[in-house]
Amino acid sequence: MLIKKTIISLTLSSLFTIAPFYSSADDVEHIEIKADRMASDLNSIARNVTVIDQAQLETQFANAQNLAEVLAKTVPGMAPPTPALTNFGTTMRGRNALVLIDGVPMNTNRNISRDLHNIHPEQVDRIEVFRGGNALYGSGATGGVIYIYTKAGQAQTQAQTRAQVKTSLEEISSDATSYTVSQSFSGEANGWLYRIGASIEEINGFYDADGDSLAPEPSQGDNFDSTIYSFDTKVSKTWGAQTLSLSALAYVLDQDSDYASDPTVKTLPYISKAQSIKGLELNKQNEINNLVLNVQYQNQLSDEHKLSTQLYYRDYDARFSPFDGRPFATWNHLAQTYLESSNLGLRLTVNSQLAKNIELDWGIDTQDERSEMPVTTYDGDVYDNSNYLVFKEMGDKAFVPEISHQTAAAFAQVRMDATDSIGLEGGLRYEQIDASFDSFTTLGQNVPINGSSYDYDSFVYNLGATFDITDNHTFYIATNEGYELPDIGLQIRYANSQFDLSQSNLEPIETTDYEAGWRGIVGSAALSFAVFKSESELGGVKSEGMGLSVSRNEIKIDGFEATADFFINRCI
């Protein structure tokens, strides 16, 4: 079965400045791309990029609940998010995007789609979004890359306190009021630049236009009645040609709500909206814990060679809302899933200036991810007799066993100025993946599954060319391959006794993208237009009938996107 999608995306924005009105295109500053392996002036890169700086972020976060909302408003091709605590379906150009925080990947092989809910707005300094398939950073970027930079220390000593209050206009009360308080310190001590920041956000209920409390999201969960804690610190020092940076980031979301979504709504022939009911007794509610430790080191080895290394560790766990899976043979429990994951990775990149007009990035990536997904089970009789409000724990069971997922990759990316107006780029990446899990028994049907292992590899490329028509107009063409590793846990949690990892439907999603675009500055407007096509023989694994069958389809996506940014002078 072939699935074909057509995507049309238009973005219009205005940027208010206190600088003089732009009288000509020459006055508009070109944007620099900072991401490693992609660093370049925006005009010389063969793909469309959206850069959201600190000033834009502050404006957008003033009326947005989370990062996903900001991206949906500012990035062409980004699907709008749902109110739930998930970015499932929040695709870029119809495919998944890889989220990186200071170069650390937020995706896990057991894909739970919370990648955009692992950092607080107070921690974000800048975002660069590379649209279209990309394999420079590994698996998961079939739709693009979202590269998030956290805030860093400044040479000037400063302390900043921020407070924000939000409330519903339909229900002005403490139940509908949310607040955020943050404090940060930055400065320099003994040659070290430092930043320490912390925030607490109290989120209460949400209300609709009728003044009625919105019902909690019963599947992926939400952040109603939650407290969010964040902490980040970063120190860096430069001596001679060397720079060392150490950082830690923590984000904790802890929900404690008295409300549940009324499950009897689905039995009614018609209802205008979901209903919330008070009296929920559930000790373990929606939760996110994201800890990232990061060490980065750079050394200008010579005039021609620069070394950049990164060692990171991520500890992550997330909990979802309980699910009544008793009617389904693959579940057979009233249960609540949660994910526990750890990830240790190393990235090494060498930037080599081979000639005046030729630049090469080459290096290696390694990663060791361990993840598992147990469930907490609950007493079904107590739940039924309490009008679906009381959850009495019966103990934890395995849903997805611990999966070991190890990758090793080598890559090379070259950029060349063929002439003063023509730039060429191309790259190769080879990745070897080894996956394994231990023996376990399935949750619903108690089928014993023997442990298994599997290895596979992927070889992808990218090619692009840019043509500077004038100093302010650039045309580009590109083809990029990307890949996305399959979700092993989605299949083994519903496996039968004959299951073997090496024989399952676990081929990676391998995409081929074609793109042509133009960027230009006309007067005080920055404009862009792109047409694209993305093809893959396989899509993601889809679970049907609560896992009773799985399927994958060939996918073809084509579309176009256009942006217009107007720089408008603001009177003082």
Protein backbone atom coordinates (compact mmCIF):
# COMPACT_ATOMS: atom_id res chain seq x y z
CA MET A 1 0.00 0.00 0.00
CA LEU A 2 1.31 3.44 -0.98
CA ILE A 3 0.65 6.47 1.20
CA LYS A 4 1.08 9.82 -0.53
CA LYS A 5 0.95 13.20 1.16
CA THR A 6 1.07 16.74 -0.17
CA ILE A 7 2.24 19.50 2.18
CA ILE A 8 1.76 23.23 1.65
CA SER A 9 3.28 25.55 4.23
CA LEU A 10 3.27 29.34 4.35
CA THR A 11 4.78 31.40 7.14
CA LEU A 12 4.44 35.16 7.53
CA SER A 13 6.08 37.10 10.34
CA SER A 14 7.15 40.60 11.24
CA LEU A 15 10.23 41.54 13.24
CA PHE A 16 10.05 44.82 15.16
CA THR A 17 13.40 46.55 15.67
CA ILE A 18 14.59 49.81 17.16
CA ALA A 19 17.21 50.10 14.45
CA PRO A 20 16.61 52.43 11.50
CA PHE A 21 14.21 51.14 8.88
CA TYR A 22 15.98 48.94 6.34
CA SER A 23 16.37 51.08 3.28
CA SER A 24 17.86 48.36 1.09
CA ALA A 25 18.64 44.69 1.06
CA ASP A 26 22.30 45.45 1.69
CA ASP A 27 21.40 46.63 5.21
CA VAL A 28 20.02 43.23 6.26
CA GLU A 29 22.55 41.10 8.10
CA HIS A 30 23.06 37.52 6.88
CA ILE A 31 22.37 34.85 9.48
CA GLU A 32 25.17 32.61 10.73
CA ILE A 33 24.48 28.92 11.34
CA LYS A 34 26.28 27.75 14.48
CA ALA A 35 25.48 24.01 14.64
CA ASP A 36 28.52 21.77 14.39
CA ARG A 37 28.80 19.96 11.04
CA MET A 38 26.42 22.55 9.57
CA ALA A 39 28.23 25.77 10.53
CA SER A 40 27.95 28.23 7.69
CA ASP A 41 26.49 31.48 6.52
CA LEU A 42 22.81 30.84 5.79
CA ASN A 43 23.23 31.86 2.16
CA SER A 44 25.82 29.15 1.50
CA ILE A 45 23.90 26.12 2.78
CA ALA A 46 21.91 23.92 0.40
CA ARG A 47 18.78 23.55 2.52
CA ASN A 48 16.17 25.69 4.21
CA VAL A 49 16.93 26.73 7.79
CA THR A 50 14.90 28.59 10.41
CA VAL A 51 16.84 30.42 13.13
CA ILE A 52 14.95 31.55 16.25
CA ASP A 53 17.07 33.84 18.40
CA GLN A 54 16.62 34.91 22.02
CA ALA A 55 14.53 37.98 21.22
CA GLN A 56 12.08 35.96 19.11
CA LEU A 57 11.89 33.23 21.73
CA GLU A 58 10.92 35.67 24.46
CA THR A 59 8.15 37.06 22.26
CA GLN A 60 6.85 33.62 21.27
CA PHE A 61 6.99 32.06 24.74
CA ALA A 62 4.88 34.91 26.11
CA ASN A 63 1.78 33.29 24.58
CA ALA A 64 2.85 29.68 24.08
CA GLN A 65 2.64 26.77 26.50
CA ASN A 66 5.72 24.89 25.32
CA LEU A 67 8.46 24.61 22.73
CA ALA A 68 6.30 22.62 20.29
CA GLU A 69 3.85 25.54 20.03
CA VAL A 70 6.66 27.99 19.29
CA LEU A 71 8.07 25.82 16.52
CA ALA A 72 4.65 25.27 14.94
CA LYS A 73 4.20 29.06 14.70
CA THR A 74 7.64 29.87 13.31
CA VAL A 75 8.84 26.86 11.27
CA PRO A 76 7.31 26.16 7.85
CA GLY A 77 6.29 22.52 7.42
CA MET A 78 6.01 21.95 11.17
CA ALA A 79 2.70 20.37 12.09
CA PRO A 80 0.75 22.01 14.94
CA PRO A 81 0.98 20.27 18.33
CA THR A 82 -1.89 18.83 20.33
CA PRO A 83 -2.66 19.91 23.91
CA ALA A 84 -1.33 16.54 25.08
CA LEU A 85 2.13 16.00 26.54
CA THR A 86 3.46 14.58 23.29
CA ASN A 87 4.89 15.57 19.93
CA PHE A 88 3.38 12.49 18.25
CA GLY A 89 2.10 13.75 14.91
CA THR A 90 4.05 17.01 15.26
CA THR A 91 6.03 16.19 12.16
CA MET A 92 8.26 18.28 9.92
CA ARG A 93 7.48 17.95 6.23
CA GLY A 94 5.39 14.92 7.16
CA ARG A 95 8.19 13.01 8.89
CA ASN A 96 9.85 12.88 12.30
CA ALA A 97 12.50 15.38 13.36
CA LEU A 98 15.60 14.75 15.48
CA VAL A 99 15.77 17.01 18.55
CA LEU A 100 19.25 17.87 19.87
CA ILE A 101 19.95 19.86 23.03
CA ASP A 102 23.53 21.17 22.82
CA GLY A 103 24.22 18.26 20.48
CA VAL A 104 22.69 15.57 22.73
CA PRO A 105 19.90 13.56 21.04
CA MET A 106 16.53 13.52 22.81
CA ASN A 107 15.12 10.56 20.90
CA THR A 108 15.12 7.00 22.24
CA ASN A 109 14.67 3.75 20.35
CA ARG A 110 11.47 3.12 22.35
CA ASN A 111 9.90 6.18 20.78
CA ILE A 112 7.54 7.87 23.25
CA SER A 113 7.30 11.18 21.35
CA ARG A 114 8.15 13.57 24.19
CA ASP A 115 11.31 14.97 22.60
CA LEU A 116 10.01 18.56 22.61
CA HIS A 117 8.91 18.37 26.25
CA ASN A 118 12.33 17.84 27.87
CA ILE A 119 13.50 21.41 28.39
CA HIS A 120 12.06 24.55 29.97
CA PRO A 121 11.79 27.81 27.99
CA GLU A 122 13.97 29.54 30.61
CA GLN A 123 16.85 27.25 29.58
CA VAL A 124 16.67 27.92 25.83
CA ASP A 125 18.94 30.49 24.20
CA ARG A 126 18.62 29.77 20.46
CA ILE A 127 17.08 27.24 18.08
CA GLU A 128 18.21 26.28 14.58
CA VAL A 129 15.84 24.12 12.54
CA PHE A 130 17.20 22.33 9.45
CA ARG A 131 14.28 21.24 7.30
CA GLY A 132 14.40 18.06 5.22
CA GLY A 133 16.05 14.66 5.62
CA ASN A 134 19.44 14.67 7.31
CA ALA A 135 21.76 11.91 8.54
CA LEU A 136 24.72 13.99 9.73
CA TYR A 137 23.71 13.45 13.37
CA GLY A 138 22.43 9.88 13.08
CA SER A 139 19.02 8.28 13.21
CA GLY A 140 15.70 10.08 13.48
CA ALA A 141 16.10 13.13 11.24
CA THR A 142 14.00 11.98 8.27
CA GLY A 143 12.04 15.23 8.48
CA GLY A 144 14.79 17.50 9.75
CA VAL A 145 16.89 18.52 12.76
CA ILE A 146 15.87 20.79 15.66
CA TYR A 147 19.10 21.99 17.28
CA ILE A 148 18.50 23.69 20.65
CA TYR A 149 21.20 25.76 22.39
CA THR A 150 21.00 26.33 26.12
CA LYS A 151 22.06 29.57 27.75
CA ALA A 152 25.74 30.10 28.58
CA GLY A 153 27.81 32.28 30.88
CA GLN A 154 28.65 35.88 30.07
CA ALA A 155 31.76 37.88 30.88
CA GLN A 156 29.66 40.61 32.50
CA THR A 157 28.43 39.62 35.97
CA GLN A 158 24.67 39.74 36.21
CA ALA A 159 21.75 38.30 38.15
CA GLN A 160 18.31 38.04 36.60
CA THR A 161 14.99 37.37 38.29
CA ARG A 162 11.86 36.75 36.24
CA ALA A 163 8.24 36.22 37.22
CA GLN A 164 5.29 35.48 34.97
CA VAL A 165 1.60 34.90 35.67
CA LYS A 166 -0.96 33.50 33.25
CA THR A 167 -4.70 33.05 33.74
CA SER A 168 -7.76 32.09 31.76
CA LEU A 169 -10.00 34.97 30.73
CA GLU A 170 -13.07 32.74 31.18
CA GLU A 171 -12.14 31.61 34.69
CA ILE A 172 -10.15 34.16 36.67
CA SER A 173 -9.34 32.23 39.82
CA SER A 174 -6.48 30.42 41.50
CA ASP A 175 -7.59 27.18 39.79
CA ALA A 176 -6.92 28.73 36.39
CA THR A 177 -3.79 30.70 37.23
CA SER A 178 -0.29 29.49 36.44
CA TYR A 179 2.96 31.14 37.39
CA THR A 180 6.68 30.87 36.69
CA VAL A 181 9.55 32.18 38.80
CA SER A 182 13.16 31.91 37.65
CA GLN A 183 16.55 33.06 38.87
CA SER A 184 19.89 33.02 37.08
CA PHE A 185 23.45 34.17 37.76
CA SER A 186 26.22 34.54 35.21
CA GLY A 187 29.66 36.04 35.09
CA GLU A 188 33.40 35.27 35.06
CA ALA A 189 35.65 33.86 37.77
CA ASN A 190 39.34 32.98 37.32
CA GLY A 191 38.96 32.86 33.56
CA TRP A 192 35.87 30.64 33.69
CA LEU A 193 32.59 31.89 32.25
CA TYR A 194 29.71 30.52 34.27
CA ARG A 195 25.91 30.41 34.37
CA ILE A 196 23.61 28.95 37.01
CA GLY A 197 19.86 29.02 36.45
CA ALA A 198 16.79 27.54 38.09
CA SER A 199 13.04 27.93 37.72
CA ILE A 200 9.78 26.62 39.11
CA GLU A 201 6.53 26.66 37.18
CA GLU A 202 3.16 25.87 38.70
CA ILE A 203 0.56 24.93 36.07
CA ASN A 204 -3.07 24.70 37.14
CA GLY A 205 -6.22 23.86 35.21
CA PHE A 206 -7.26 25.00 31.74
CA TYR A 207 -10.72 26.22 30.82
CA ASP A 208 -12.64 26.45 27.56
CA ALA A 209 -14.64 29.38 26.16
CA ASP A 210 -17.68 28.27 28.18
CA GLY A 211 -15.72 28.49 31.43
CA ASP A 212 -15.71 24.70 31.84
CA SER A 213 -12.62 22.85 33.02
CA LEU A 214 -10.91 20.97 30.21
CA ALA A 215 -10.79 17.22 30.69
CA PRO A 216 -7.34 15.68 31.16
CA GLU A 217 -5.88 13.90 28.12
CA PRO A 218 -6.39 10.20 28.94
CA SER A 219 -3.81 8.67 26.59
CA GLN A 220 -0.50 10.54 26.23
CA GLY A 221 -1.19 12.72 29.26
CA ASP A 222 -0.90 16.47 29.76
CA ASN A 223 0.61 18.98 32.20
CA PHE A 224 -2.59 20.12 33.95
CA ASP A 225 -2.05 20.58 37.69
CA SER A 226 1.69 20.04 37.37
CA THR A 227 4.82 21.51 38.87
CA ILE A 228 7.85 21.88 36.60
CA TYR A 229 11.34 22.29 38.05
CA SER A 230 14.35 23.15 35.91
CA PHE A 231 18.03 23.63 36.67
CA ASP A 232 20.96 24.31 34.38
CA THR A 233 24.57 25.23 34.83
CA LYS A 234 27.36 25.74 32.33
CA VAL A 235 31.01 26.69 32.76
CA SER A 236 33.59 27.21 30.03
CA LYS A 237 37.17 28.36 29.72
CA THR A 238 39.38 29.24 26.79
CA TRP A 239 43.17 29.16 26.98
CA GLY A 240 45.25 29.54 23.87
CA ALA A 241 43.68 27.49 21.09
CA GLN A 242 41.67 25.29 23.45
CA THR A 243 38.16 25.60 24.91
CA LEU A 244 36.54 23.37 27.51
CA SER A 245 32.83 23.50 28.36
CA LEU A 246 30.99 21.51 31.04
CA SER A 247 27.24 21.65 31.51
CA ALA A 248 24.39 19.99 33.37
CA LEU A 249 20.70 20.32 32.61
CA ALA A 250 17.78 18.95 34.61
CA TYR A 251 14.07 19.13 33.84
CA VAL A 252 11.38 17.59 36.05
CA LEU A 253 7.62 17.60 35.45
CA ASP A 254 5.50 16.18 38.26
CA GLN A 255 1.71 16.04 37.96
CA ASP A 256 -0.61 15.93 40.96
CA SER A 257 -4.19 16.35 39.80
CA ASP A 258 -7.56 15.62 41.41
CA TYR A 259 -9.25 15.31 38.02
CA ALA A 260 -9.69 12.45 35.57
CA SER A 261 -11.29 12.24 32.14
CA ASP A 262 -14.70 10.57 32.34
CA PRO A 263 -14.39 7.28 30.39
CA THR A 264 -18.18 6.92 30.06
CA VAL A 265 -18.21 9.75 27.50
CA LYS A 266 -17.26 7.32 24.74
CA THR A 267 -20.42 5.29 25.36
CA LEU A 268 -22.73 8.23 24.69
CA PRO A 269 -24.22 8.62 21.20
CA TYR A 270 -23.16 12.25 21.02
CA ILE A 271 -21.43 14.75 23.25
CA SER A 272 -19.96 18.14 22.47
CA LYS A 273 -16.81 17.70 24.52
CA ALA A 274 -15.00 15.44 26.99
CA GLN A 275 -15.89 15.75 30.65
CA SER A 276 -13.58 15.97 33.66
CA ILE A 277 -14.54 14.35 36.96
CA LYS A 278 -13.09 15.19 40.37
CA GLY A 279 -11.87 12.71 42.93
CA LEU A 280 -8.92 11.06 41.22
CA GLU A 281 -6.80 8.91 43.56
CA LEU A 282 -3.60 8.05 41.70
CA ASN A 283 -0.22 8.24 43.40
CA LYS A 284 1.88 8.10 40.22
CA GLN A 285 0.74 10.53 37.54
CA ASN A 286 2.30 11.97 34.40
CA GLU A 287 5.98 12.57 34.94
CA ILE A 288 9.15 13.55 33.07
CA ASN A 289 12.71 13.46 34.41
CA ASN A 290 15.44 14.53 32.00
CA LEU A 291 19.06 14.83 33.14
CA VAL A 292 21.80 15.70 30.63
CA LEU A 293 25.51 15.91 31.45
CA ASN A 294 27.70 17.27 28.69
CA VAL A 295 31.46 17.82 28.21
CA GLN A 296 32.69 19.59 25.08
CA TYR A 297 36.29 20.24 24.14
CA GLN A 298 37.72 22.12 21.16
CA ASN A 299 41.33 22.49 20.08
CA GLN A 300 42.67 24.44 17.11
CA LEU A 301 45.35 21.85 16.32
CA SER A 302 46.85 23.96 13.54
CA ASP A 303 45.83 26.65 11.09
CA GLU A 304 44.18 23.96 8.96
CA HIS A 305 42.71 21.53 11.51
CA LYS A 306 40.29 22.00 14.41
CA LEU A 307 39.22 19.19 16.75
CA SER A 308 35.79 19.15 18.44
CA THR A 309 34.81 16.40 20.85
CA GLN A 310 31.72 15.82 22.92
CA LEU A 311 31.04 13.26 25.66
CA TYR A 312 27.50 13.14 27.01
CA TYR A 313 25.33 11.13 29.36
CA ARG A 314 21.55 11.26 29.53
CA ASP A 315 19.33 9.70 32.17
CA TYR A 316 15.65 9.82 31.30
CA ASP A 317 12.37 8.47 32.56
CA ALA A 318 8.77 9.33 31.77
CA ARG A 319 5.39 8.10 33.00
CA PHE A 320 2.05 8.12 31.21
CA SER A 321 -1.62 8.06 32.18
CA PRO A 322 -3.13 4.67 33.13
CA PHE A 323 -4.80 2.74 30.34
CA ASP A 324 -7.65 0.27 30.68
CA GLY A 325 -6.32 -2.53 28.49
CA ARG A 326 -8.52 -5.26 29.95
CA PRO A 327 -10.67 -5.55 26.80
CA PHE A 328 -7.56 -6.24 24.69
CA ALA A 329 -5.79 -9.60 24.70
CA THR A 330 -2.39 -7.95 24.18
CA TRP A 331 -2.81 -5.95 27.43
CA ASN A 332 -5.31 -7.76 29.65
CA HIS A 333 -4.55 -5.32 32.49
CA LEU A 334 -5.49 -1.94 33.89
CA ALA A 335 -1.95 -0.60 33.66
CA GLN A 336 0.26 2.47 33.44
CA THR A 337 3.40 2.46 31.28
CA TYR A 338 6.64 4.24 32.05
CA LEU A 339 10.01 4.45 30.31
CA GLU A 340 13.46 4.24 31.87
CA SER A 341 16.36 5.06 29.58
CA SER A 342 20.05 5.93 29.73
CA ASN A 343 22.33 7.01 26.92
CA LEU A 344 26.11 7.40 26.82
CA GLY A 345 27.57 8.93 23.68
CA LEU A 346 30.73 10.29 22.12
CA ARG A 347 31.04 12.59 19.10
CA LEU A 348 34.35 13.52 17.50
CA THR A 349 34.63 15.94 14.59
CA VAL A 350 37.71 17.28 12.84
CA ASN A 351 37.34 20.33 10.63
CA SER A 352 40.09 20.43 8.01
CA GLN A 353 40.83 23.28 5.62
CA LEU A 354 42.18 21.25 2.69
CA ALA A 355 42.61 24.27 0.45
CA LYS A 356 41.55 27.89 0.38
CA ASN A 357 38.22 26.89 -1.13
CA ILE A 358 37.74 23.34 0.26
CA GLU A 359 36.63 22.47 3.79
CA LEU A 360 36.15 18.95 5.21
CA ASP A 361 34.37 17.76 8.36
CA TRP A 362 35.06 14.17 9.28
CA GLY A 363 34.80 12.06 12.40
CA ILE A 364 33.07 9.33 14.35
CA ASP A 365 29.99 8.93 16.58
CA THR A 366 29.32 6.21 19.13
CA GLN A 367 26.32 5.68 21.37
CA ASP A 368 25.16 3.10 23.92
CA GLU A 369 21.48 3.30 24.82
CA ARG A 370 19.68 1.09 27.34
CA SER A 371 15.92 1.42 27.73
CA GLU A 372 13.03 -0.55 29.16
CA MET A 373 9.30 0.00 29.62
CA PRO A 374 7.60 -1.70 32.56
CA VAL A 375 3.99 -1.11 33.63
CA THR A 376 2.38 -0.48 36.99
CA THR A 377 -0.77 -2.61 37.24
CA TYR A 378 -3.92 -1.64 39.15
CA ASP A 379 -6.91 -3.43 40.67
CA GLY A 380 -9.68 -3.38 38.06
CA ASP A 381 -12.52 -4.04 40.50
CA VAL A 382 -11.56 -1.11 42.73
CA TYR A 383 -11.32 1.09 39.65
CA ASP A 384 -14.77 0.06 38.35
CA ASN A 385 -16.49 0.41 41.73
CA SER A 386 -15.05 3.90 42.33
CA ASN A 387 -16.58 5.45 39.21
CA TYR A 388 -13.19 5.11 37.49
CA LEU A 389 -11.34 7.31 39.96
CA VAL A 390 -9.40 5.09 42.39
CA PHE A 391 -6.23 3.30 41.29
CA LYS A 392 -4.97 0.67 43.73
CA GLU A 393 -1.50 -0.59 42.84
CA MET A 394 -1.00 -4.33 42.28
CA GLY A 395 2.71 -4.24 41.40
CA ASP A 396 4.92 -3.74 38.35
CA LYS A 397 5.31 -6.08 35.38
CA ALA A 398 7.44 -6.12 32.25
CA PHE A 399 5.91 -4.64 29.11
CA VAL A 400 9.05 -4.03 27.06
CA PRO A 401 12.25 -5.62 28.44
CA GLU A 402 15.56 -3.80 28.60
CA ILE A 403 16.83 -3.25 25.09
CA SER A 404 20.51 -2.62 24.42
CA HIS A 405 21.04 -0.42 21.41
CA GLN A 406 24.63 0.30 20.36
CA THR A 407 25.69 2.34 17.35
CA ALA A 408 29.01 3.31 15.78
CA ALA A 409 29.34 5.60 12.78
CA ALA A 410 31.91 7.34 10.60
CA PHE A 411 31.17 10.33 8.40
CA ALA A 412 32.76 12.85 6.05
CA GLN A 413 31.23 16.12 4.81
CA VAL A 414 32.97 18.37 2.29
CA ARG A 415 32.17 21.93 1.19
CA MET A 416 33.80 23.68 -1.76
CA ASP A 417 33.57 27.08 -3.38
CA ALA A 418 33.73 26.12 -7.06
CA THR A 419 33.57 29.77 -8.09
CA ASP A 420 32.80 33.05 -6.36
CA SER A 421 29.08 32.37 -6.84
CA ILE A 422 28.80 28.56 -6.85
CA GLY A 423 29.16 26.37 -3.78
CA LEU A 424 29.15 22.58 -3.67
CA GLU A 425 28.70 20.19 -0.74
CA GLY A 426 28.45 16.46 -0.25
CA GLY A 427 28.77 13.87 2.46
CA LEU A 428 28.74 10.19 3.35
CA ARG A 429 27.83 8.45 6.59
CA TYR A 430 28.11 4.78 7.48
CA GLU A 431 26.45 3.49 10.64
CA GLN A 432 26.52 0.05 12.29
CA ILE A 433 23.76 -0.79 14.76
CA ASP A 434 23.59 -3.71 17.22
CA ALA A 435 20.40 -4.39 19.19
CA SER A 436 19.56 -7.08 21.74
CA PHE A 437 17.17 -7.89 24.58
CA ASP A 438 16.88 -10.53 27.29
CA SER A 439 14.18 -13.16 27.65
CA PHE A 440 10.85 -12.00 29.08
CA THR A 441 7.14 -12.84 29.21
CA THR A 442 4.60 -10.67 27.38
CA LEU A 443 2.14 -8.70 29.47
CA GLY A 444 -1.19 -9.67 27.95
CA GLN A 445 -0.94 -13.31 26.91
CA ASN A 446 2.01 -14.45 29.08
CA VAL A 447 3.98 -15.68 26.08
CA PRO A 448 7.62 -16.51 26.95
CA ILE A 449 9.93 -14.74 24.49
CA ASN A 450 13.53 -15.80 24.17
CA GLY A 451 16.18 -13.11 24.17
CA SER A 452 17.51 -12.17 20.77
CA SER A 453 20.02 -9.94 19.03
CA TYR A 454 20.23 -8.30 15.65
CA ASP A 455 22.67 -6.09 13.76
CA TYR A 456 22.14 -3.93 10.71
CA ASP A 457 23.84 -1.03 9.00
CA SER A 458 23.04 2.00 6.91
CA PHE A 459 25.02 3.91 4.28
CA VAL A 460 23.62 7.34 3.33
CA TYR A 461 24.77 10.37 1.35
CA ASN A 462 23.90 14.02 0.69
CA LEU A 463 24.67 16.31 -2.24
CA GLY A 464 23.92 19.99 -2.73
CA ALA A 465 24.80 23.09 -4.70
CA THR A 466 24.16 26.79 -4.11
CA PHE A 467 24.15 29.55 -6.73
CA ASP A 468 24.52 33.17 -5.59
CA ILE A 469 22.54 35.02 -8.23
CA THR A 470 23.39 38.31 -6.48
CA ASP A 471 24.63 39.16 -3.00
CA ASN A 472 21.04 38.97 -1.77
CA HIS A 473 19.55 36.13 -3.82
CA THR A 474 20.58 32.48 -3.64
CA PHE A 475 19.21 29.44 -5.46
CA TYR A 476 20.02 25.90 -4.28
CA ILE A 477 19.33 22.28 -5.18
CA ALA A 478 19.97 19.25 -2.98
CA THR A 479 19.34 15.57 -2.48
CA ASN A 480 19.63 14.03 0.98
CA GLU A 481 19.21 10.56 2.40
CA GLY A 482 18.05 10.00 5.95
CA TYR A 483 17.17 7.03 8.08
CA GLU A 484 15.19 6.24 11.18
CA LEU A 485 15.71 3.13 13.26
CA PRO A 486 12.64 1.00 13.91
CA ASP A 487 10.94 0.89 17.30
CA ILE A 488 11.89 -2.58 18.50
CA GLY A 489 9.76 -2.33 21.63
CA LEU A 490 6.59 -1.71 19.62
CA GLN A 491 6.92 -5.20 18.14
CA ILE A 492 8.32 -7.36 20.91
CA ARG A 493 5.74 -6.25 23.48
CA TYR A 494 3.05 -8.00 21.38
CA ALA A 495 5.26 -10.86 20.14
CA ASN A 496 4.23 -14.49 19.74
CA SER A 497 6.28 -17.53 20.72
CA GLN A 498 7.93 -17.74 17.28
CA PHE A 499 9.29 -14.20 17.41
CA ASP A 500 12.94 -13.70 16.51
CA LEU A 501 14.51 -10.26 16.31
CA SER A 502 16.51 -11.04 13.18
CA GLN A 503 13.34 -12.15 11.34
CA SER A 504 11.01 -9.34 12.41
CA ASN A 505 10.00 -6.39 10.29
CA LEU A 506 12.74 -4.11 11.60
CA GLU A 507 14.33 -2.59 8.52
CA PRO A 508 15.13 1.11 9.04
CA ILE A 509 13.10 3.82 7.34
CA GLU A 510 15.44 5.01 4.59
CA THR A 511 14.33 8.22 2.90
CA THR A 512 15.51 9.99 -0.22
CA ASP A 513 14.74 13.71 -0.41
CA TYR A 514 14.94 16.07 -3.37
CA GLU A 515 14.73 19.82 -2.86
CA ALA A 516 15.10 23.06 -4.78
CA GLY A 517 14.75 26.48 -3.25
CA TRP A 518 15.46 30.19 -3.33
CA ARG A 519 16.31 32.71 -0.61
CA GLY A 520 16.30 36.42 -1.15
CA ILE A 521 16.06 39.84 0.45
CA VAL A 522 13.82 42.42 -1.17
CA GLY A 523 13.74 45.79 0.54
CA SER A 524 12.95 45.11 4.20
CA ALA A 525 11.64 41.58 3.58
CA ALA A 526 13.53 38.29 3.79
CA LEU A 527 11.82 35.73 1.53
CA SER A 528 12.26 32.04 0.79
CA PHE A 529 10.58 29.39 -1.33
CA ALA A 530 11.25 25.66 -1.63
CA VAL A 531 9.73 22.64 -3.35
CA PHE A 532 10.55 19.17 -2.04
CA LYS A 533 9.87 15.47 -2.48
CA SER A 534 10.53 12.68 0.04
CA GLU A 535 10.25 8.96 -0.70
CA SER A 536 10.72 5.78 1.33
CA GLU A 537 9.85 2.16 0.58
CA LEU A 538 8.86 1.67 4.22
CA GLY A 539 7.11 3.87 6.75
CA GLY A 540 7.03 3.49 10.50
CA VAL A 541 5.63 0.37 12.10
CA LYS A 542 1.92 0.83 12.75
CA SER A 543 0.16 -1.16 15.45
CA GLU A 544 -3.41 -2.08 14.56
CA GLY A 545 -6.01 -3.62 16.85
CA MET A 546 -3.86 -2.93 19.94
CA GLY A 547 -0.94 -4.83 18.45
CA LEU A 548 -2.82 -7.76 16.96
CA SER A 549 -1.23 -6.85 13.62
CA VAL A 550 1.47 -4.52 12.37
CA SER A 551 2.00 -3.00 8.96
CA ARG A 552 4.35 -0.70 7.07
CA ASN A 553 3.59 1.21 3.90
CA GLU A 554 5.53 2.88 1.13
CA ILE A 555 5.38 6.66 1.60
CA LYS A 556 5.75 9.53 -0.86
CA ILE A 557 5.55 13.15 0.28
CA ASP A 558 5.76 16.25 -1.88
CA GLY A 559 5.06 19.87 -1.17
CA PHE A 560 6.26 23.43 -1.12
CA GLU A 561 6.86 26.04 1.53
CA ALA A 562 7.28 29.79 1.49
CA THR A 563 8.29 32.30 4.16
CA ALA A 564 8.20 36.07 4.39
CA ASP A 565 9.84 37.99 7.26
CA PHE A 566 9.25 41.72 7.35
CA PHE A 567 11.55 44.03 9.34
CA ILE A 568 9.42 46.90 10.63
CA ASN A 569 10.80 49.91 12.47
CA ARG A 570 9.29 50.63 15.89
CA CYS A 571 9.00 54.18 17.18
CA ILE A 572 10.65 54.84 20.55
